[in-house]
């Protein structure tokens, strides 16, 4: 199993204001497979993905990716994990508004040891031909 989530618990707040969001979630996904996480607004989908992405500290349970637990990883290790082990696209993208598509990609190339070939990346993302457009000129999809 590539992604294994076991009895994952996550809450926000303290005392009377504490709200349990994830109440013992279990999930197993094979490498190369596709999965959808669906549910009503506020049910914890984004929280689950943020936990898997190492962006949220979990209360209890475990998340293992490629047989390695995320428990106890520091900020640098989590950054390397996100860079090297998973693909994560934020609901609200973080492109630099004053840079066009090409320049945003060039900035991102500097953040990885193994950047994809620029043309191949444009093709894969469906951005070929619009490299000179700015984020506010692009569809959110």
Protein backbone atom coordinates (compact mmCIF):
# COMPACT_ATOMS: atom_id res chain seq x y z
CA UNK A 1 0.00 0.00 0.00
CA UNK A 2 1.47 3.38 -0.97
CA UNK A 3 -0.77 5.61 1.16
CA UNK A 4 -2.06 4.21 4.44
CA UNK A 5 -4.11 6.35 6.83
CA UNK A 6 -4.90 4.62 10.10
CA UNK A 7 -7.38 5.84 12.74
CA UNK A 8 -6.63 9.48 11.87
CA UNK A 9 -8.02 12.04 14.30
CA UNK A 10 -7.87 15.81 13.98
CA UNK A 11 -9.64 18.54 15.89
CA UNK A 12 -9.46 22.32 16.11
CA UNK A 13 -9.84 24.54 19.16
CA UNK A 14 -9.66 23.76 22.85
CA UNK A 15 -12.04 23.22 25.75
CA UNK A 16 -15.67 24.09 25.02
CA UNK A 17 -14.74 25.34 21.55
CA UNK A 18 -12.99 22.10 20.52
CA UNK A 19 -14.43 20.58 17.38
CA UNK A 20 -13.54 17.10 16.14
CA UNK A 21 -13.18 17.13 12.38
CA UNK A 22 -11.66 13.72 11.61
CA UNK A 23 -12.87 10.96 13.90
CA UNK A 24 -10.81 7.86 13.16
CA UNK A 25 -10.44 7.97 9.38
CA UNK A 26 -8.97 4.90 7.66
CA UNK A 27 -7.83 4.95 4.05
CA UNK A 28 -5.59 2.81 1.84
CA UNK A 29 -4.55 3.72 -1.70
CA UNK A 30 -2.27 1.73 -3.99
CA UNK A 31 0.50 3.54 -5.88
CA UNK A 32 -0.67 4.53 -9.36
CA UNK A 33 -4.36 4.28 -8.54
CA UNK A 34 -6.90 7.09 -8.55
CA UNK A 35 -9.17 7.97 -5.63
CA UNK A 36 -11.82 10.61 -5.02
CA UNK A 37 -12.66 12.12 -1.68
CA UNK A 38 -16.24 13.35 -1.67
CA UNK A 39 -18.56 14.72 0.97
CA UNK A 40 -20.61 17.68 2.03
CA UNK A 41 -19.11 21.07 2.77
CA UNK A 42 -17.32 21.10 6.10
CA UNK A 43 -17.08 17.33 6.52
CA UNK A 44 -13.26 17.30 6.65
CA UNK A 45 -12.12 16.64 3.06
CA UNK A 46 -9.63 19.52 3.00
CA UNK A 47 -8.48 18.74 6.53
CA UNK A 48 -7.80 15.13 5.52
CA UNK A 49 -5.81 16.23 2.47
CA UNK A 50 -3.90 18.81 4.52
CA UNK A 51 -2.97 16.08 7.02
CA UNK A 52 -1.84 13.74 4.23
CA UNK A 53 0.13 16.64 2.73
CA UNK A 54 1.88 17.25 6.06
CA UNK A 55 0.35 20.71 6.37
CA UNK A 56 -1.64 19.92 9.53
CA UNK A 57 -0.42 18.27 12.72
CA UNK A 58 -2.65 15.30 13.53
CA UNK A 59 -4.05 14.58 16.99
CA UNK A 60 -3.82 10.78 16.76
CA UNK A 61 -3.43 7.95 14.30
CA UNK A 62 -0.85 7.54 11.57
CA UNK A 63 -0.19 8.44 7.97
CA UNK A 64 2.30 6.36 6.02
CA UNK A 65 3.45 7.09 2.49
CA UNK A 66 5.63 4.54 0.78
CA UNK A 67 5.98 2.70 4.08
CA UNK A 68 7.30 5.77 5.94
CA UNK A 69 5.34 7.45 8.71
CA UNK A 70 4.89 11.22 8.77
CA UNK A 71 4.96 11.16 12.58
CA UNK A 72 7.76 13.22 14.03
CA UNK A 73 8.91 14.80 10.77
CA UNK A 74 10.12 18.39 11.07
CA UNK A 75 9.34 21.26 8.69
CA UNK A 76 12.31 20.57 6.41
CA UNK A 77 11.54 16.86 6.23
CA UNK A 78 7.87 17.58 5.49
CA UNK A 79 8.89 20.00 2.75
CA UNK A 80 11.11 17.34 1.20
CA UNK A 81 8.27 14.81 1.53
CA UNK A 82 5.85 17.12 -0.33
CA UNK A 83 8.46 17.87 -2.98
CA UNK A 84 9.61 14.29 -3.57
CA UNK A 85 6.76 11.92 -2.62
CA UNK A 86 3.39 13.45 -3.43
CA UNK A 87 1.69 15.82 -5.82
CA UNK A 88 -0.31 18.50 -4.10
CA UNK A 89 -2.36 21.18 -5.82
CA UNK A 90 -3.85 23.78 -3.53
CA UNK A 91 -7.49 24.76 -3.83
CA UNK A 92 -6.30 28.34 -4.04
CA UNK A 93 -3.14 28.37 -6.12
CA UNK A 94 -0.18 30.42 -4.99
CA UNK A 95 1.09 31.85 -8.24
CA UNK A 96 2.91 35.15 -8.21
CA UNK A 97 0.42 37.60 -9.75
CA UNK A 98 3.07 39.83 -11.33
CA UNK A 99 4.71 36.92 -13.19
CA UNK A 100 3.32 35.19 -16.27
CA UNK A 101 2.95 31.40 -16.59
CA UNK A 102 6.48 30.98 -17.93
CA UNK A 103 8.10 32.97 -15.15
CA UNK A 104 6.03 31.27 -12.41
CA UNK A 105 7.26 27.91 -13.73
CA UNK A 106 10.85 29.16 -13.84
CA UNK A 107 10.60 30.22 -10.18
CA UNK A 108 9.29 26.77 -9.25
CA UNK A 109 12.15 25.10 -11.16
CA UNK A 110 14.58 26.63 -8.69
CA UNK A 111 12.79 24.92 -5.78
CA UNK A 112 13.48 21.35 -6.89
CA UNK A 113 16.57 19.29 -7.54
CA UNK A 114 14.90 17.46 -10.45
CA UNK A 115 12.74 19.89 -12.44
CA UNK A 116 10.74 18.57 -15.38
CA UNK A 117 11.67 19.70 -18.86
CA UNK A 118 9.86 23.02 -19.42
CA UNK A 119 8.07 22.09 -22.67
CA UNK A 120 6.94 18.71 -21.33
CA UNK A 121 5.58 20.37 -18.21
CA UNK A 122 3.64 22.93 -20.26
CA UNK A 123 2.12 20.13 -22.32
CA UNK A 124 1.25 18.03 -19.27
CA UNK A 125 -0.44 20.97 -17.53
CA UNK A 126 -2.28 22.05 -20.67
CA UNK A 127 -0.55 25.44 -20.64
CA UNK A 128 1.26 25.28 -23.99
CA UNK A 129 0.47 28.40 -25.98
CA UNK A 130 -0.50 30.54 -23.01
CA UNK A 131 2.94 30.98 -21.40
CA UNK A 132 2.67 34.77 -21.59
CA UNK A 133 -0.63 34.98 -19.70
CA UNK A 134 -0.80 36.10 -16.08
CA UNK A 135 -2.60 34.23 -13.26
CA UNK A 136 -5.62 36.55 -13.36
CA UNK A 137 -6.04 35.67 -17.06
CA UNK A 138 -6.22 31.92 -16.40
CA UNK A 139 -9.16 29.68 -15.55
CA UNK A 140 -9.12 28.34 -11.98
CA UNK A 141 -9.47 24.83 -13.42
